[in-house]
Amino acid sequence: MAGGSNIGLTINFNDPEADPEERDEEVQKLLSQMREIDAVEALERVPDPSTPEGSKSLGGFLVGMLTAQVNPINFMALLRFLSDRLVGKPIELEVEANGKKLKVTASSREELESAIQAAQKFISS
């Protein structure tokens, strides 16, 4: 796969047993780790579109979510990076490329591996 427009990736920590603070801690930890790698073009928390102006609730971000923009050349490296860090964490992964979206969920190593394979196949097609 060569060049092309960036691939959008959204990760949602959606563990029903975790409270909002725990999910937010997972996002903060992953944001910190992802900032250390060169594969990511842009990285940020997902703004809450329904937060009233001036509200101070959790900083106006959706709890447990982050988004990244990745160059297609670096996408596979980012997936390998994420597979090591997201094992056993219930997540929802959304990949957007070429005007198409793929959304998968995972809560075990096997499901995460399947989700990553689906994302790889989606980007390759």
N, C-alpha and C. Protein backbone atom coordinates (compact mmCIF):
# COMPACT_ATOMS: atom_id res chain seq x y z
N MET A 1 0.85 -1.16 0.00
CA MET A 1 0.00 0.00 0.00
C MET A 1 0.89 1.22 0.00
N ALA A 2 0.65 2.13 -0.87
CA ALA A 2 1.50 3.31 -0.98
C ALA A 2 0.72 4.58 -0.73
N GLY A 3 1.33 5.52 -0.01
CA GLY A 3 0.78 6.86 0.19
C GLY A 3 -0.71 6.93 0.39
N GLY A 4 -1.33 7.98 -0.15
CA GLY A 4 -2.77 8.15 -0.03
C GLY A 4 -3.12 9.04 1.14
N SER A 5 -4.43 9.27 1.29
CA SER A 5 -4.87 10.11 2.39
C SER A 5 -4.80 9.34 3.71
N ASN A 6 -4.75 10.09 4.79
CA ASN A 6 -4.62 9.48 6.11
C ASN A 6 -5.80 8.59 6.44
N ILE A 7 -5.54 7.65 7.32
CA ILE A 7 -6.55 6.73 7.83
C ILE A 7 -6.97 7.24 9.19
N GLY A 8 -8.28 7.34 9.39
CA GLY A 8 -8.81 7.76 10.69
C GLY A 8 -9.03 6.54 11.56
N LEU A 9 -8.67 6.65 12.82
CA LEU A 9 -8.82 5.56 13.76
C LEU A 9 -9.41 6.12 15.05
N THR A 10 -10.51 5.53 15.50
CA THR A 10 -11.12 5.93 16.76
C THR A 10 -11.13 4.72 17.68
N ILE A 11 -10.66 4.91 18.89
CA ILE A 11 -10.65 3.84 19.89
C ILE A 11 -11.56 4.27 21.03
N ASN A 12 -12.48 3.39 21.38
CA ASN A 12 -13.42 3.64 22.46
C ASN A 12 -13.25 2.55 23.51
N PHE A 13 -12.77 2.92 24.69
CA PHE A 13 -12.71 1.98 25.81
C PHE A 13 -14.11 1.87 26.37
N ASN A 14 -14.76 0.73 26.13
CA ASN A 14 -16.18 0.62 26.48
C ASN A 14 -16.48 -0.46 27.50
N ASP A 15 -15.58 -0.69 28.44
CA ASP A 15 -15.78 -1.68 29.50
C ASP A 15 -16.98 -1.27 30.35
N PRO A 16 -18.06 -2.08 30.34
CA PRO A 16 -19.25 -1.70 31.12
C PRO A 16 -19.01 -1.74 32.62
N GLU A 17 -17.96 -2.43 33.06
CA GLU A 17 -17.67 -2.52 34.49
C GLU A 17 -16.75 -1.40 34.98
N ALA A 18 -16.19 -0.63 34.06
CA ALA A 18 -15.30 0.48 34.42
C ALA A 18 -16.11 1.76 34.56
N ASP A 19 -15.78 2.54 35.58
CA ASP A 19 -16.46 3.83 35.72
C ASP A 19 -15.80 4.84 34.77
N PRO A 20 -16.43 5.99 34.56
CA PRO A 20 -15.90 6.97 33.61
C PRO A 20 -14.45 7.38 33.91
N GLU A 21 -14.09 7.49 35.17
CA GLU A 21 -12.72 7.87 35.52
C GLU A 21 -11.72 6.80 35.08
N GLU A 22 -12.08 5.53 35.25
CA GLU A 22 -11.19 4.44 34.84
C GLU A 22 -11.02 4.42 33.32
N ARG A 23 -12.11 4.62 32.59
CA ARG A 23 -12.01 4.66 31.13
C ARG A 23 -11.18 5.86 30.68
N ASP A 24 -11.34 6.97 31.39
CA ASP A 24 -10.57 8.16 31.06
C ASP A 24 -9.08 7.94 31.33
N GLU A 25 -8.75 7.21 32.39
CA GLU A 25 -7.36 6.89 32.69
C GLU A 25 -6.75 6.04 31.57
N GLU A 26 -7.53 5.10 31.03
CA GLU A 26 -7.05 4.27 29.92
C GLU A 26 -6.72 5.14 28.71
N VAL A 27 -7.59 6.10 28.43
CA VAL A 27 -7.35 7.01 27.30
C VAL A 27 -6.09 7.83 27.54
N GLN A 28 -5.95 8.38 28.72
CA GLN A 28 -4.78 9.20 29.03
C GLN A 28 -3.48 8.39 28.87
N LYS A 29 -3.50 7.16 29.35
CA LYS A 29 -2.31 6.31 29.25
C LYS A 29 -1.99 6.00 27.79
N LEU A 30 -3.01 5.64 26.99
CA LEU A 30 -2.77 5.33 25.59
C LEU A 30 -2.35 6.57 24.81
N LEU A 31 -2.94 7.71 25.10
CA LEU A 31 -2.52 8.97 24.45
C LEU A 31 -1.04 9.23 24.70
N SER A 32 -0.62 9.07 25.93
CA SER A 32 0.77 9.29 26.28
C SER A 32 1.69 8.34 25.51
N GLN A 33 1.32 7.07 25.42
CA GLN A 33 2.13 6.09 24.71
C GLN A 33 2.15 6.37 23.21
N MET A 34 1.01 6.73 22.64
CA MET A 34 0.93 6.97 21.20
C MET A 34 1.67 8.23 20.78
N ARG A 35 1.79 9.19 21.67
CA ARG A 35 2.54 10.42 21.35
C ARG A 35 4.03 10.14 21.18
N GLU A 36 4.48 9.01 21.69
CA GLU A 36 5.89 8.65 21.63
C GLU A 36 6.28 7.98 20.32
N ILE A 37 5.30 7.61 19.49
CA ILE A 37 5.64 6.92 18.25
C ILE A 37 5.44 7.84 17.05
N ASP A 38 6.21 7.58 16.01
CA ASP A 38 6.19 8.44 14.82
C ASP A 38 5.07 8.09 13.85
N ALA A 39 4.39 6.95 14.03
CA ALA A 39 3.40 6.49 13.06
C ALA A 39 2.14 7.36 13.04
N VAL A 40 1.90 8.12 14.09
CA VAL A 40 0.66 8.89 14.22
C VAL A 40 0.86 10.32 13.73
N GLU A 41 0.02 10.75 12.81
CA GLU A 41 0.06 12.11 12.27
C GLU A 41 -0.63 13.10 13.19
N ALA A 42 -1.80 12.71 13.73
CA ALA A 42 -2.57 13.57 14.64
C ALA A 42 -3.22 12.67 15.68
N LEU A 43 -3.35 13.19 16.89
CA LEU A 43 -3.88 12.40 18.00
C LEU A 43 -4.60 13.34 18.95
N GLU A 44 -5.83 12.97 19.34
CA GLU A 44 -6.57 13.82 20.26
C GLU A 44 -7.72 13.07 20.90
N ARG A 45 -8.23 13.66 21.96
CA ARG A 45 -9.45 13.17 22.59
C ARG A 45 -10.62 13.54 21.68
N VAL A 46 -11.73 12.85 21.82
CA VAL A 46 -12.90 13.12 21.00
C VAL A 46 -13.78 14.14 21.72
N PRO A 47 -13.97 15.33 21.12
CA PRO A 47 -14.81 16.35 21.76
C PRO A 47 -16.26 15.88 21.88
N ASP A 48 -16.90 16.28 22.96
CA ASP A 48 -18.31 15.95 23.18
C ASP A 48 -19.16 17.01 22.48
N PRO A 49 -19.87 16.62 21.41
CA PRO A 49 -20.65 17.60 20.67
C PRO A 49 -21.85 18.14 21.46
N SER A 50 -22.24 17.47 22.54
CA SER A 50 -23.41 17.92 23.28
C SER A 50 -23.06 18.69 24.54
N THR A 51 -21.78 18.97 24.78
CA THR A 51 -21.38 19.73 25.95
C THR A 51 -21.76 21.19 25.77
N PRO A 52 -22.55 21.72 26.69
CA PRO A 52 -22.91 23.14 26.59
C PRO A 52 -21.67 24.02 26.72
N GLU A 53 -21.68 25.13 26.01
CA GLU A 53 -20.55 26.06 26.07
C GLU A 53 -20.34 26.51 27.50
N GLY A 54 -19.10 26.47 27.96
CA GLY A 54 -18.79 26.88 29.32
C GLY A 54 -18.86 25.75 30.33
N SER A 55 -19.30 24.57 29.92
CA SER A 55 -19.40 23.43 30.83
C SER A 55 -18.01 22.93 31.18
N LYS A 56 -17.86 22.41 32.39
CA LYS A 56 -16.56 21.91 32.83
C LYS A 56 -16.59 20.41 33.09
N SER A 57 -17.59 19.69 32.62
CA SER A 57 -17.70 18.27 32.88
C SER A 57 -16.69 17.48 32.05
N LEU A 58 -15.72 16.90 32.71
CA LEU A 58 -14.66 16.09 32.10
C LEU A 58 -14.02 16.76 30.89
N GLY A 59 -13.93 18.06 30.91
CA GLY A 59 -13.21 18.78 29.88
C GLY A 59 -13.88 18.85 28.53
N GLY A 60 -15.15 18.46 28.43
CA GLY A 60 -15.85 18.54 27.16
C GLY A 60 -15.48 17.45 26.17
N PHE A 61 -14.96 16.32 26.67
CA PHE A 61 -14.59 15.21 25.81
C PHE A 61 -15.47 14.01 26.09
N LEU A 62 -15.65 13.17 25.08
CA LEU A 62 -16.35 11.92 25.28
C LEU A 62 -15.46 11.00 26.10
N VAL A 63 -15.99 10.43 27.15
CA VAL A 63 -15.22 9.60 28.07
C VAL A 63 -14.80 8.31 27.39
N GLY A 64 -13.53 7.99 27.54
CA GLY A 64 -13.02 6.71 27.05
C GLY A 64 -12.72 6.66 25.57
N MET A 65 -12.68 7.81 24.88
CA MET A 65 -12.46 7.80 23.44
C MET A 65 -11.29 8.68 23.03
N LEU A 66 -10.57 8.21 22.00
CA LEU A 66 -9.53 9.01 21.37
C LEU A 66 -9.56 8.74 19.88
N THR A 67 -8.99 9.67 19.14
CA THR A 67 -8.96 9.54 17.69
C THR A 67 -7.55 9.87 17.19
N ALA A 68 -7.18 9.20 16.10
CA ALA A 68 -5.85 9.41 15.51
C ALA A 68 -5.97 9.44 14.00
N GLN A 69 -5.06 10.13 13.38
CA GLN A 69 -4.90 10.14 11.93
C GLN A 69 -3.53 9.51 11.65
N VAL A 70 -3.54 8.52 10.76
CA VAL A 70 -2.32 7.76 10.49
C VAL A 70 -2.08 7.70 8.99
N ASN A 71 -0.85 7.91 8.58
CA ASN A 71 -0.48 7.74 7.18
C ASN A 71 -0.62 6.25 6.84
N PRO A 72 -1.18 5.91 5.68
CA PRO A 72 -1.36 4.50 5.32
C PRO A 72 -0.08 3.67 5.41
N ILE A 73 1.05 4.29 5.15
CA ILE A 73 2.32 3.57 5.23
C ILE A 73 2.60 3.11 6.66
N ASN A 74 2.16 3.87 7.64
CA ASN A 74 2.42 3.56 9.05
C ASN A 74 1.29 2.81 9.74
N PHE A 75 0.20 2.55 9.03
CA PHE A 75 -0.98 1.96 9.66
C PHE A 75 -0.69 0.59 10.27
N MET A 76 0.01 -0.26 9.55
CA MET A 76 0.30 -1.61 10.07
C MET A 76 1.17 -1.53 11.32
N ALA A 77 2.13 -0.63 11.35
CA ALA A 77 2.98 -0.47 12.53
C ALA A 77 2.14 -0.02 13.73
N LEU A 78 1.19 0.87 13.49
CA LEU A 78 0.33 1.33 14.57
C LEU A 78 -0.55 0.19 15.08
N LEU A 79 -1.08 -0.63 14.19
CA LEU A 79 -1.91 -1.76 14.63
C LEU A 79 -1.10 -2.73 15.49
N ARG A 80 0.14 -2.98 15.12
CA ARG A 80 1.00 -3.86 15.93
C ARG A 80 1.23 -3.24 17.30
N PHE A 81 1.49 -1.94 17.32
CA PHE A 81 1.68 -1.21 18.57
C PHE A 81 0.44 -1.34 19.47
N LEU A 82 -0.74 -1.13 18.87
CA LEU A 82 -1.98 -1.19 19.64
C LEU A 82 -2.29 -2.60 20.12
N SER A 83 -1.96 -3.60 19.31
CA SER A 83 -2.27 -4.98 19.71
C SER A 83 -1.56 -5.35 21.00
N ASP A 84 -0.37 -4.81 21.22
CA ASP A 84 0.36 -5.08 22.46
C ASP A 84 -0.25 -4.38 23.66
N ARG A 85 -0.89 -3.24 23.45
CA ARG A 85 -1.38 -2.42 24.56
C ARG A 85 -2.86 -2.59 24.87
N LEU A 86 -3.62 -3.16 23.96
CA LEU A 86 -5.07 -3.24 24.15
C LEU A 86 -5.57 -4.64 24.47
N VAL A 87 -4.67 -5.59 24.61
CA VAL A 87 -5.07 -6.97 24.90
C VAL A 87 -5.86 -7.02 26.20
N GLY A 88 -7.02 -7.66 26.14
CA GLY A 88 -7.85 -7.84 27.33
C GLY A 88 -8.67 -6.64 27.74
N LYS A 89 -8.60 -5.57 26.98
CA LYS A 89 -9.39 -4.37 27.30
C LYS A 89 -10.58 -4.32 26.34
N PRO A 90 -11.79 -4.26 26.87
CA PRO A 90 -12.95 -4.14 25.99
C PRO A 90 -12.90 -2.81 25.24
N ILE A 91 -12.84 -2.90 23.91
CA ILE A 91 -12.76 -1.69 23.09
C ILE A 91 -13.67 -1.81 21.88
N GLU A 92 -13.93 -0.66 21.31
CA GLU A 92 -14.58 -0.56 20.01
C GLU A 92 -13.59 0.20 19.15
N LEU A 93 -13.28 -0.34 17.99
CA LEU A 93 -12.30 0.25 17.08
C LEU A 93 -13.01 0.62 15.79
N GLU A 94 -12.87 1.88 15.39
CA GLU A 94 -13.47 2.34 14.14
C GLU A 94 -12.35 2.84 13.23
N VAL A 95 -12.33 2.30 12.02
CA VAL A 95 -11.33 2.68 11.02
C VAL A 95 -12.07 3.36 9.88
N GLU A 96 -11.54 4.51 9.44
CA GLU A 96 -12.15 5.23 8.32
C GLU A 96 -11.09 5.52 7.28
N ALA A 97 -11.37 5.06 6.06
CA ALA A 97 -10.44 5.28 4.95
C ALA A 97 -11.21 5.28 3.64
N ASN A 98 -10.80 6.14 2.73
CA ASN A 98 -11.40 6.21 1.40
C ASN A 98 -12.93 6.37 1.45
N GLY A 99 -13.41 7.12 2.42
CA GLY A 99 -14.84 7.38 2.53
C GLY A 99 -15.64 6.21 3.09
N LYS A 100 -14.99 5.16 3.56
CA LYS A 100 -15.67 4.00 4.13
C LYS A 100 -15.29 3.87 5.60
N LYS A 101 -16.18 3.23 6.38
CA LYS A 101 -15.92 3.01 7.80
C LYS A 101 -16.08 1.54 8.14
N LEU A 102 -15.25 1.09 9.07
CA LEU A 102 -15.33 -0.25 9.62
C LEU A 102 -15.35 -0.09 11.14
N LYS A 103 -16.31 -0.73 11.79
CA LYS A 103 -16.38 -0.67 13.24
C LYS A 103 -16.39 -2.10 13.77
N VAL A 104 -15.44 -2.40 14.67
CA VAL A 104 -15.33 -3.72 15.28
C VAL A 104 -15.17 -3.58 16.78
N THR A 105 -15.56 -4.61 17.51
CA THR A 105 -15.39 -4.62 18.96
C THR A 105 -14.52 -5.80 19.36
N ALA A 106 -13.87 -5.66 20.49
CA ALA A 106 -13.02 -6.73 21.00
C ALA A 106 -12.93 -6.63 22.51
N SER A 107 -12.89 -7.80 23.16
CA SER A 107 -12.70 -7.81 24.61
C SER A 107 -11.74 -8.92 25.04
N SER A 108 -11.22 -9.67 24.10
CA SER A 108 -10.24 -10.72 24.42
C SER A 108 -9.12 -10.66 23.39
N ARG A 109 -8.05 -11.40 23.65
CA ARG A 109 -6.92 -11.44 22.73
C ARG A 109 -7.38 -11.91 21.35
N GLU A 110 -8.19 -12.97 21.30
CA GLU A 110 -8.65 -13.51 20.03
C GLU A 110 -9.50 -12.50 19.27
N GLU A 111 -10.42 -11.83 19.98
CA GLU A 111 -11.26 -10.82 19.34
C GLU A 111 -10.43 -9.64 18.86
N LEU A 112 -9.42 -9.25 19.64
CA LEU A 112 -8.56 -8.14 19.23
C LEU A 112 -7.78 -8.51 17.98
N GLU A 113 -7.25 -9.71 17.94
CA GLU A 113 -6.51 -10.16 16.75
C GLU A 113 -7.43 -10.19 15.53
N SER A 114 -8.66 -10.66 15.72
CA SER A 114 -9.63 -10.67 14.61
C SER A 114 -9.97 -9.26 14.17
N ALA A 115 -10.13 -8.35 15.13
CA ALA A 115 -10.44 -6.95 14.81
C ALA A 115 -9.30 -6.32 14.03
N ILE A 116 -8.07 -6.59 14.42
CA ILE A 116 -6.91 -6.04 13.73
C ILE A 116 -6.80 -6.62 12.33
N GLN A 117 -7.05 -7.91 12.18
CA GLN A 117 -7.04 -8.52 10.85
C GLN A 117 -8.12 -7.92 9.97
N ALA A 118 -9.30 -7.69 10.54
CA ALA A 118 -10.39 -7.07 9.78
C ALA A 118 -10.00 -5.67 9.34
N ALA A 119 -9.34 -4.91 10.22
CA ALA A 119 -8.89 -3.55 9.88
C ALA A 119 -7.84 -3.59 8.77
N GLN A 120 -6.92 -4.54 8.85
CA GLN A 120 -5.89 -4.67 7.82
C GLN A 120 -6.52 -4.99 6.47
N LYS A 121 -7.45 -5.92 6.48
CA LYS A 121 -8.14 -6.32 5.24
C LYS A 121 -8.94 -5.15 4.68
N PHE A 122 -9.63 -4.42 5.55
CA PHE A 122 -10.44 -3.28 5.16
C PHE A 122 -9.58 -2.22 4.47
N ILE A 123 -8.42 -1.93 5.01
CA ILE A 123 -7.53 -0.92 4.45
C ILE A 123 -6.93 -1.40 3.13
N SER A 124 -6.67 -2.68 3.02
CA SER A 124 -6.05 -3.24 1.82
C SER A 124 -7.03 -3.29 0.64
N SER A 125 -8.31 -3.35 0.92
CA SER A 125 -9.29 -3.49 -0.16
C SER A 125 -9.63 -2.17 -0.82
